[in-house]
């Protein structure tokens, strides 16, 4: 995989975060959370900076990044779409909603549209079971989503 050139201003921001957490290795998850907020994802180059700053093995950082589903090593779209596939959402038709997003955006789960505008992922549970099926676009939550609603949801972000 080609190496990514990180923006120096963002690397500095990440180093400040590490300093704020006193370079404490027990704060790794908090630092990674902040790093993902800064960069949008956690490529190997970001993980290397974190490992160096917190004086932890890069393999340990990678292990944490790959263990927790919240972290991503691939860039997300400007508008990340997540479809809940928890039990309540699933039995109320989340799979059909997910299929409609994939069809309209012409992407698979985990992919980003070529224009970088949307990415699609599925989640285990967002904790809004009473609104099932649930879709999030960025921080916005949509409840009781049916396949025929997907087009209108996307139109809000075009």
N, C-alpha and C. Protein backbone atom coordinates (compact mmCIF):
# COMPACT_ATOMS: atom_id res chain seq x y z
N UNK A 1 0.84 -1.18 0.00
CA UNK A 1 0.00 0.00 0.00
C UNK A 1 0.88 1.25 0.00
N UNK A 2 0.50 2.24 -0.77
CA UNK A 2 1.29 3.47 -0.86
C UNK A 2 1.23 4.25 0.45
N UNK A 3 2.35 4.83 0.81
CA UNK A 3 2.40 5.61 2.03
C UNK A 3 1.66 6.92 1.82
N UNK A 4 0.96 7.34 2.86
CA UNK A 4 0.18 8.57 2.82
C UNK A 4 1.00 9.68 3.46
N UNK A 5 0.98 10.85 2.84
CA UNK A 5 1.67 12.01 3.41
C UNK A 5 0.67 12.75 4.29
N UNK A 6 0.92 12.75 5.59
CA UNK A 6 0.02 13.41 6.52
C UNK A 6 0.30 14.90 6.56
N UNK A 7 -0.77 15.68 6.67
CA UNK A 7 -0.63 17.14 6.79
C UNK A 7 0.07 17.45 8.11
N UNK A 8 1.12 18.24 8.03
CA UNK A 8 1.92 18.54 9.22
C UNK A 8 1.09 19.21 10.31
N UNK A 9 0.12 20.05 9.92
CA UNK A 9 -0.72 20.73 10.92
C UNK A 9 -1.56 19.72 11.70
N UNK A 10 -2.02 18.67 11.01
CA UNK A 10 -2.80 17.64 11.68
C UNK A 10 -1.91 16.77 12.57
N UNK A 11 -0.69 16.50 12.13
CA UNK A 11 0.25 15.73 12.95
C UNK A 11 0.54 16.51 14.24
N UNK A 12 0.72 17.83 14.11
CA UNK A 12 0.97 18.68 15.29
C UNK A 12 -0.22 18.63 16.23
N UNK A 13 -1.43 18.69 15.66
CA UNK A 13 -2.65 18.63 16.47
C UNK A 13 -2.70 17.30 17.23
N UNK A 14 -2.35 16.21 16.56
CA UNK A 14 -2.33 14.90 17.21
C UNK A 14 -1.29 14.85 18.32
N UNK A 15 -0.13 15.44 18.07
CA UNK A 15 0.91 15.47 19.11
C UNK A 15 0.44 16.26 20.33
N UNK A 16 -0.33 17.32 20.09
CA UNK A 16 -0.90 18.10 21.21
C UNK A 16 -1.88 17.26 22.01
N UNK A 17 -2.67 16.43 21.32
CA UNK A 17 -3.61 15.54 22.00
C UNK A 17 -2.84 14.57 22.89
N UNK A 18 -1.78 14.00 22.36
CA UNK A 18 -0.96 13.06 23.14
C UNK A 18 -0.38 13.75 24.37
N UNK A 19 0.05 14.99 24.19
CA UNK A 19 0.60 15.77 25.30
C UNK A 19 -0.49 16.02 26.35
N UNK A 20 -1.71 16.36 25.87
CA UNK A 20 -2.84 16.61 26.77
C UNK A 20 -3.12 15.39 27.65
N UNK A 21 -2.91 14.20 27.08
CA UNK A 21 -3.10 12.96 27.84
C UNK A 21 -1.80 12.50 28.51
N UNK A 22 -0.85 13.42 28.63
CA UNK A 22 0.43 13.16 29.32
C UNK A 22 1.18 11.96 28.76
N UNK A 23 1.02 11.71 27.46
CA UNK A 23 1.72 10.60 26.79
C UNK A 23 1.47 9.27 27.50
N UNK A 24 0.30 9.16 28.14
CA UNK A 24 -0.04 7.99 28.96
C UNK A 24 -0.58 6.87 28.06
N UNK A 25 0.13 5.73 28.06
CA UNK A 25 -0.28 4.61 27.20
C UNK A 25 -1.65 4.06 27.57
N UNK A 26 -2.09 4.26 28.81
CA UNK A 26 -3.42 3.77 29.20
C UNK A 26 -4.53 4.63 28.57
N UNK A 27 -4.15 5.74 27.94
CA UNK A 27 -5.12 6.62 27.27
C UNK A 27 -5.18 6.34 25.77
N UNK A 28 -4.63 5.20 25.34
CA UNK A 28 -4.54 4.88 23.92
C UNK A 28 -5.88 5.01 23.20
N UNK A 29 -6.94 4.45 23.76
CA UNK A 29 -8.25 4.52 23.08
C UNK A 29 -8.72 5.96 22.94
N UNK A 30 -8.54 6.76 23.98
CA UNK A 30 -8.93 8.18 23.90
C UNK A 30 -8.11 8.92 22.84
N UNK A 31 -6.82 8.62 22.79
CA UNK A 31 -5.95 9.27 21.80
C UNK A 31 -6.36 8.84 20.38
N UNK A 32 -6.63 7.55 20.20
CA UNK A 32 -7.06 7.07 18.88
C UNK A 32 -8.40 7.69 18.47
N UNK A 33 -9.29 7.83 19.43
CA UNK A 33 -10.58 8.46 19.16
C UNK A 33 -10.36 9.90 18.66
N UNK A 34 -9.50 10.62 19.35
CA UNK A 34 -9.18 12.00 18.95
C UNK A 34 -8.48 12.02 17.59
N UNK A 35 -7.58 11.07 17.37
CA UNK A 35 -6.85 10.99 16.10
C UNK A 35 -7.81 10.76 14.94
N UNK A 36 -8.79 9.88 15.16
CA UNK A 36 -9.77 9.64 14.10
C UNK A 36 -10.61 10.88 13.85
N UNK A 37 -10.86 11.65 14.89
CA UNK A 37 -11.57 12.92 14.73
C UNK A 37 -10.77 13.92 13.90
N UNK A 38 -9.47 13.91 14.06
CA UNK A 38 -8.59 14.83 13.33
C UNK A 38 -8.43 14.41 11.88
N UNK A 39 -8.16 13.12 11.66
CA UNK A 39 -7.82 12.64 10.31
C UNK A 39 -9.01 12.02 9.56
N UNK A 40 -10.07 11.66 10.30
CA UNK A 40 -11.23 11.02 9.68
C UNK A 40 -11.12 9.51 9.64
N UNK A 41 -9.92 9.00 9.81
CA UNK A 41 -9.65 7.57 9.84
C UNK A 41 -8.26 7.36 10.41
N UNK A 42 -7.85 6.09 10.56
CA UNK A 42 -6.57 5.79 11.21
C UNK A 42 -5.65 4.96 10.31
N UNK A 43 -5.07 5.59 9.30
CA UNK A 43 -4.12 4.85 8.46
C UNK A 43 -2.86 4.50 9.26
N UNK A 44 -2.05 3.61 8.71
CA UNK A 44 -0.83 3.17 9.39
C UNK A 44 0.04 4.34 9.84
N UNK A 45 0.10 5.38 9.03
CA UNK A 45 0.95 6.54 9.34
C UNK A 45 0.49 7.25 10.61
N UNK A 46 -0.81 7.33 10.82
CA UNK A 46 -1.35 7.94 12.04
C UNK A 46 -1.06 7.03 13.23
N UNK A 47 -1.24 5.73 13.03
CA UNK A 47 -0.96 4.78 14.10
C UNK A 47 0.50 4.85 14.53
N UNK A 48 1.39 5.06 13.58
CA UNK A 48 2.82 5.18 13.88
C UNK A 48 3.10 6.39 14.75
N UNK A 49 2.46 7.51 14.45
CA UNK A 49 2.64 8.73 15.26
C UNK A 49 2.17 8.46 16.69
N UNK A 50 1.01 7.85 16.81
CA UNK A 50 0.45 7.55 18.14
C UNK A 50 1.39 6.62 18.91
N UNK A 51 1.85 5.56 18.25
CA UNK A 51 2.75 4.60 18.90
C UNK A 51 4.02 5.29 19.40
N UNK A 52 4.57 6.14 18.55
CA UNK A 52 5.80 6.86 18.90
C UNK A 52 5.55 7.81 20.07
N UNK A 53 4.46 8.57 20.01
CA UNK A 53 4.17 9.56 21.05
C UNK A 53 3.87 8.92 22.41
N UNK A 54 3.16 7.77 22.40
CA UNK A 54 2.80 7.12 23.65
C UNK A 54 3.80 6.04 24.06
N UNK A 55 4.84 5.87 23.24
CA UNK A 55 5.88 4.88 23.50
C UNK A 55 5.30 3.48 23.69
N UNK A 56 4.44 3.09 22.71
CA UNK A 56 3.88 1.74 22.69
C UNK A 56 4.21 1.09 21.36
N UNK A 57 4.18 -0.22 21.34
CA UNK A 57 4.48 -0.97 20.14
C UNK A 57 3.40 -0.72 19.09
N UNK A 58 3.82 -0.54 17.84
CA UNK A 58 2.88 -0.30 16.75
C UNK A 58 1.89 -1.45 16.61
N UNK A 59 2.34 -2.68 16.88
CA UNK A 59 1.45 -3.84 16.80
C UNK A 59 0.31 -3.74 17.82
N UNK A 60 0.61 -3.18 18.98
CA UNK A 60 -0.42 -2.99 20.01
C UNK A 60 -1.45 -1.97 19.52
N UNK A 61 -0.98 -0.87 18.96
CA UNK A 61 -1.89 0.17 18.43
C UNK A 61 -2.78 -0.45 17.35
N UNK A 62 -2.17 -1.18 16.42
CA UNK A 62 -2.91 -1.82 15.34
C UNK A 62 -3.95 -2.79 15.90
N UNK A 63 -3.58 -3.53 16.92
CA UNK A 63 -4.49 -4.49 17.55
C UNK A 63 -5.72 -3.80 18.12
N UNK A 64 -5.52 -2.66 18.75
CA UNK A 64 -6.64 -1.91 19.32
C UNK A 64 -7.52 -1.35 18.20
N UNK A 65 -6.88 -0.79 17.17
CA UNK A 65 -7.62 -0.21 16.04
C UNK A 65 -8.49 -1.27 15.35
N UNK A 66 -7.94 -2.46 15.17
CA UNK A 66 -8.69 -3.50 14.46
C UNK A 66 -9.69 -4.22 15.36
N UNK A 67 -9.51 -4.16 16.67
CA UNK A 67 -10.44 -4.83 17.59
C UNK A 67 -11.75 -4.06 17.71
N UNK A 68 -11.68 -2.75 17.85
CA UNK A 68 -12.88 -1.95 18.07
C UNK A 68 -13.49 -1.51 16.74
N UNK A 69 -14.77 -1.84 16.56
CA UNK A 69 -15.43 -1.54 15.27
C UNK A 69 -15.61 -0.05 15.03
N UNK A 70 -15.52 0.77 16.07
CA UNK A 70 -15.65 2.22 15.89
C UNK A 70 -14.51 2.78 15.04
N UNK A 71 -13.33 2.20 15.20
CA UNK A 71 -12.16 2.70 14.47
C UNK A 71 -12.15 2.19 13.04
N UNK A 72 -11.67 3.03 12.13
CA UNK A 72 -11.58 2.63 10.74
C UNK A 72 -10.22 2.99 10.17
N UNK A 73 -9.70 2.11 9.33
CA UNK A 73 -8.41 2.37 8.68
C UNK A 73 -8.60 2.81 7.23
N UNK A 74 -9.85 2.96 6.82
CA UNK A 74 -10.13 3.45 5.47
C UNK A 74 -10.92 4.75 5.58
N UNK A 75 -10.67 5.68 4.67
CA UNK A 75 -11.36 6.96 4.78
C UNK A 75 -12.87 6.81 4.59
N UNK A 76 -13.62 7.54 5.38
CA UNK A 76 -15.07 7.56 5.24
C UNK A 76 -15.45 8.71 4.34
N UNK A 77 -16.66 8.65 3.82
CA UNK A 77 -17.17 9.73 2.99
C UNK A 77 -17.46 10.97 3.81
N UNK A 78 -17.69 12.06 3.10
CA UNK A 78 -18.05 13.32 3.74
C UNK A 78 -19.30 13.12 4.60
N UNK A 79 -20.20 12.26 4.13
CA UNK A 79 -21.44 11.92 4.85
C UNK A 79 -21.46 10.41 5.10
N UNK A 80 -20.90 9.95 6.23
CA UNK A 80 -20.90 8.51 6.51
C UNK A 80 -22.30 8.02 6.89
N UNK A 81 -22.76 7.01 6.18
CA UNK A 81 -24.08 6.43 6.42
C UNK A 81 -23.90 5.10 7.12
N UNK A 82 -24.61 4.93 8.23
CA UNK A 82 -24.56 3.66 8.97
C UNK A 82 -25.97 3.14 9.13
N UNK A 83 -26.14 1.88 8.80
CA UNK A 83 -27.44 1.23 8.94
C UNK A 83 -27.33 0.24 10.09
N UNK A 84 -28.22 0.37 11.06
CA UNK A 84 -28.20 -0.53 12.21
C UNK A 84 -28.73 -1.89 11.78
N UNK A 85 -27.97 -2.94 12.13
CA UNK A 85 -28.38 -4.31 11.81
C UNK A 85 -28.60 -5.12 13.09
N UNK A 86 -28.86 -4.40 14.20
CA UNK A 86 -29.20 -5.07 15.45
C UNK A 86 -30.52 -5.83 15.27
N UNK A 87 -30.85 -6.65 16.23
CA UNK A 87 -32.01 -7.53 16.10
C UNK A 87 -33.30 -6.78 15.76
N UNK A 88 -33.63 -5.74 16.53
CA UNK A 88 -34.88 -5.01 16.29
C UNK A 88 -34.89 -4.39 14.89
N UNK A 89 -33.80 -3.79 14.50
CA UNK A 89 -33.72 -3.17 13.17
C UNK A 89 -33.78 -4.23 12.07
N UNK A 90 -33.07 -5.31 12.29
CA UNK A 90 -33.01 -6.37 11.28
C UNK A 90 -34.39 -6.96 11.02
N UNK A 91 -35.11 -7.29 12.10
CA UNK A 91 -36.43 -7.91 11.91
C UNK A 91 -37.45 -6.93 11.33
N UNK A 92 -37.16 -5.64 11.42
CA UNK A 92 -38.07 -4.63 10.86
C UNK A 92 -37.62 -4.12 9.50
N UNK A 93 -36.69 -4.84 8.86
CA UNK A 93 -36.38 -4.54 7.47
C UNK A 93 -35.10 -3.77 7.18
N UNK A 94 -34.16 -3.73 8.12
CA UNK A 94 -32.92 -2.97 7.91
C UNK A 94 -32.14 -3.47 6.70
N UNK A 95 -32.18 -4.78 6.44
CA UNK A 95 -31.42 -5.34 5.33
C UNK A 95 -31.91 -4.75 3.99
N UNK A 96 -33.22 -4.57 3.84
CA UNK A 96 -33.77 -3.97 2.61
C UNK A 96 -33.37 -2.51 2.49
N UNK A 97 -33.31 -1.81 3.63
CA UNK A 97 -32.87 -0.41 3.65
C UNK A 97 -31.40 -0.34 3.22
N UNK A 98 -30.58 -1.21 3.79
CA UNK A 98 -29.16 -1.26 3.43
C UNK A 98 -29.00 -1.55 1.93
N UNK A 99 -29.77 -2.51 1.43
CA UNK A 99 -29.70 -2.86 0.00
C UNK A 99 -30.04 -1.66 -0.88
N UNK A 100 -31.00 -0.84 -0.44
CA UNK A 100 -31.39 0.34 -1.23
C UNK A 100 -30.28 1.39 -1.24
N UNK A 101 -29.63 1.61 -0.10
CA UNK A 101 -28.48 2.52 -0.08
C UNK A 101 -27.39 2.02 -1.02
N UNK A 102 -27.08 0.74 -0.94
CA UNK A 102 -26.04 0.16 -1.81
C UNK A 102 -26.42 0.31 -3.28
N UNK A 103 -27.69 0.09 -3.60
CA UNK A 103 -28.15 0.17 -4.98
C UNK A 103 -28.07 1.62 -5.50
N UNK A 104 -28.60 2.56 -4.73
CA UNK A 104 -28.62 3.96 -5.18
C UNK A 104 -27.23 4.59 -5.26
N UNK A 105 -26.34 4.18 -4.35
CA UNK A 105 -24.99 4.76 -4.33
C UNK A 105 -23.99 3.92 -5.12
N UNK A 106 -24.39 2.73 -5.51
CA UNK A 106 -23.54 1.81 -6.26
C UNK A 106 -22.23 1.52 -5.51
N UNK A 107 -22.37 1.20 -4.22
CA UNK A 107 -21.22 0.82 -3.39
C UNK A 107 -21.60 -0.39 -2.55
N UNK A 108 -20.58 -1.07 -2.04
CA UNK A 108 -20.77 -2.16 -1.10
C UNK A 108 -20.56 -1.62 0.31
N UNK A 109 -20.94 -2.41 1.29
CA UNK A 109 -20.71 -2.02 2.69
C UNK A 109 -19.20 -1.86 2.90
N UNK A 110 -18.83 -0.77 3.53
CA UNK A 110 -17.41 -0.49 3.77
C UNK A 110 -16.76 0.36 2.69
N UNK A 111 -17.49 0.66 1.64
CA UNK A 111 -16.93 1.45 0.53
C UNK A 111 -17.41 2.89 0.59
N UNK A 112 -16.68 3.73 -0.14
CA UNK A 112 -16.99 5.15 -0.27
C UNK A 112 -17.27 5.43 -1.74
N UNK A 113 -18.24 6.30 -2.00
CA UNK A 113 -18.55 6.65 -3.39
C UNK A 113 -17.33 7.31 -4.03
N UNK A 114 -17.17 7.16 -5.35
CA UNK A 114 -15.99 7.73 -6.03
C UNK A 114 -15.79 9.23 -5.79
N UNK A 115 -16.90 9.97 -5.59
CA UNK A 115 -16.77 11.42 -5.35
C UNK A 115 -16.44 11.74 -3.90
N UNK A 116 -16.33 10.70 -3.04
CA UNK A 116 -15.97 10.91 -1.65
C UNK A 116 -17.10 11.45 -0.79
N UNK A 117 -18.29 11.54 -1.35
CA UNK A 117 -19.41 12.16 -0.63
C UNK A 117 -20.05 11.23 0.40
N UNK A 118 -20.22 9.95 0.05
CA UNK A 118 -20.90 9.01 0.95
C UNK A 118 -20.08 7.75 1.17
N UNK A 119 -20.19 7.20 2.37
CA UNK A 119 -19.68 5.86 2.64
C UNK A 119 -20.79 5.12 3.36
N UNK A 120 -20.82 3.80 3.19
CA UNK A 120 -21.88 2.99 3.77
C UNK A 120 -21.28 1.93 4.68
N UNK A 121 -21.82 1.84 5.88
CA UNK A 121 -21.39 0.80 6.81
C UNK A 121 -22.61 0.28 7.55
N UNK A 122 -22.45 -0.87 8.17
CA UNK A 122 -23.52 -1.41 9.01
C UNK A 122 -23.00 -1.49 10.44
N UNK A 123 -23.90 -1.30 11.38
CA UNK A 123 -23.56 -1.34 12.80
C UNK A 123 -24.32 -2.45 13.48
N UNK A 124 -23.84 -2.88 14.63
CA UNK A 124 -24.54 -3.93 15.37
C UNK A 124 -25.77 -3.38 16.07
N UNK A 125 -25.65 -2.22 16.71
CA UNK A 125 -26.80 -1.63 17.41
C UNK A 125 -26.47 -0.18 17.74
N UNK A 126 -27.42 0.72 17.49
CA UNK A 126 -27.20 2.12 17.85
C UNK A 126 -27.94 2.50 19.13
N UNK A 127 -28.70 1.55 19.69
CA UNK A 127 -29.39 1.80 20.95
C UNK A 127 -30.66 2.60 20.81
N UNK A 128 -31.26 2.62 19.63
CA UNK A 128 -32.52 3.33 19.41
C UNK A 128 -33.55 2.33 18.87
N UNK A 129 -33.65 1.21 19.55
CA UNK A 129 -34.47 0.08 19.06
C UNK A 129 -35.93 0.45 18.85
N UNK A 130 -36.45 1.38 19.61
CA UNK A 130 -37.84 1.80 19.46
C UNK A 130 -38.09 2.50 18.14
N UNK A 131 -37.03 2.95 17.48
CA UNK A 131 -37.15 3.65 16.19
C UNK A 131 -36.79 2.76 15.01
N UNK A 132 -36.63 1.47 15.25
CA UNK A 132 -36.14 0.54 14.22
C UNK A 132 -37.02 0.55 12.97
N UNK A 133 -36.38 0.39 11.80
CA UNK A 133 -34.93 0.37 11.55
C UNK A 133 -34.32 1.78 11.55
N UNK A 134 -33.10 1.87 12.05
CA UNK A 134 -32.42 3.15 12.24
C UNK A 134 -31.25 3.30 11.27
N UNK A 135 -31.12 4.53 10.75
CA UNK A 135 -30.00 4.90 9.88
C UNK A 135 -29.40 6.17 10.46
N UNK A 136 -28.08 6.26 10.48
CA UNK A 136 -27.44 7.52 10.84
C UNK A 136 -26.67 8.03 9.63
N UNK A 137 -26.72 9.33 9.43
CA UNK A 137 -25.89 10.00 8.42
C UNK A 137 -25.12 11.04 9.21
N UNK A 138 -23.83 10.78 9.39
CA UNK A 138 -23.04 11.63 10.29
C UNK A 138 -23.62 11.49 11.68
N UNK A 139 -24.00 12.61 12.28
CA UNK A 139 -24.57 12.60 13.63
C UNK A 139 -26.09 12.55 13.63
N UNK A 140 -26.72 12.69 12.45
CA UNK A 140 -28.18 12.73 12.37
C UNK A 140 -28.77 11.33 12.34
N UNK A 141 -29.79 11.11 13.16
CA UNK A 141 -30.44 9.80 13.27
C UNK A 141 -31.79 9.83 12.56
N UNK A 142 -32.03 8.82 11.74
CA UNK A 142 -33.31 8.65 11.05
C UNK A 142 -33.95 7.37 11.57
N UNK A 143 -35.20 7.47 12.03
CA UNK A 143 -35.89 6.32 12.56
C UNK A 143 -37.00 5.83 11.66
N UNK A 144 -37.37 4.57 11.86
CA UNK A 144 -38.44 3.90 11.10
C UNK A 144 -38.24 4.08 9.60
N UNK A 145 -37.03 3.85 9.15
CA UNK A 145 -36.67 4.05 7.75
C UNK A 145 -37.13 2.86 6.91
N UNK A 146 -37.78 3.18 5.80
CA UNK A 146 -38.20 2.16 4.83
C UNK A 146 -37.36 2.35 3.57
N UNK A 147 -37.23 1.31 2.74
CA UNK A 147 -36.44 1.45 1.51
C UNK A 147 -36.86 2.66 0.66
N UNK A 148 -38.15 2.96 0.64
CA UNK A 148 -38.62 4.09 -0.17
C UNK A 148 -38.21 5.46 0.41
N UNK A 149 -37.71 5.49 1.65
CA UNK A 149 -37.24 6.74 2.28
C UNK A 149 -35.80 7.08 1.90
N UNK A 150 -35.06 6.09 1.43
CA UNK A 150 -33.62 6.24 1.20
C UNK A 150 -33.32 7.36 0.21
N UNK A 151 -34.06 7.43 -0.88
CA UNK A 151 -33.84 8.45 -1.90
C UNK A 151 -33.94 9.86 -1.31
N UNK A 152 -34.97 10.08 -0.46
CA UNK A 152 -35.15 11.39 0.16
C UNK A 152 -34.04 11.71 1.16
N UNK A 153 -33.60 10.70 1.91
CA UNK A 153 -32.49 10.91 2.84
C UNK A 153 -31.25 11.35 2.08
N UNK A 154 -30.93 10.66 1.02
CA UNK A 154 -29.75 11.02 0.22
C UNK A 154 -29.87 12.41 -0.39
N UNK A 155 -31.08 12.78 -0.79
CA UNK A 155 -31.31 14.09 -1.43
C UNK A 155 -30.96 15.24 -0.46
N UNK A 156 -31.09 15.01 0.84
CA UNK A 156 -30.74 16.04 1.82
C UNK A 156 -29.26 16.41 1.77
N UNK A 157 -28.44 15.50 1.24
CA UNK A 157 -26.98 15.69 1.28
C UNK A 157 -26.37 15.89 -0.09
N UNK A 158 -27.16 15.90 -1.14
CA UNK A 158 -26.61 16.04 -2.51
C UNK A 158 -26.25 17.48 -2.79
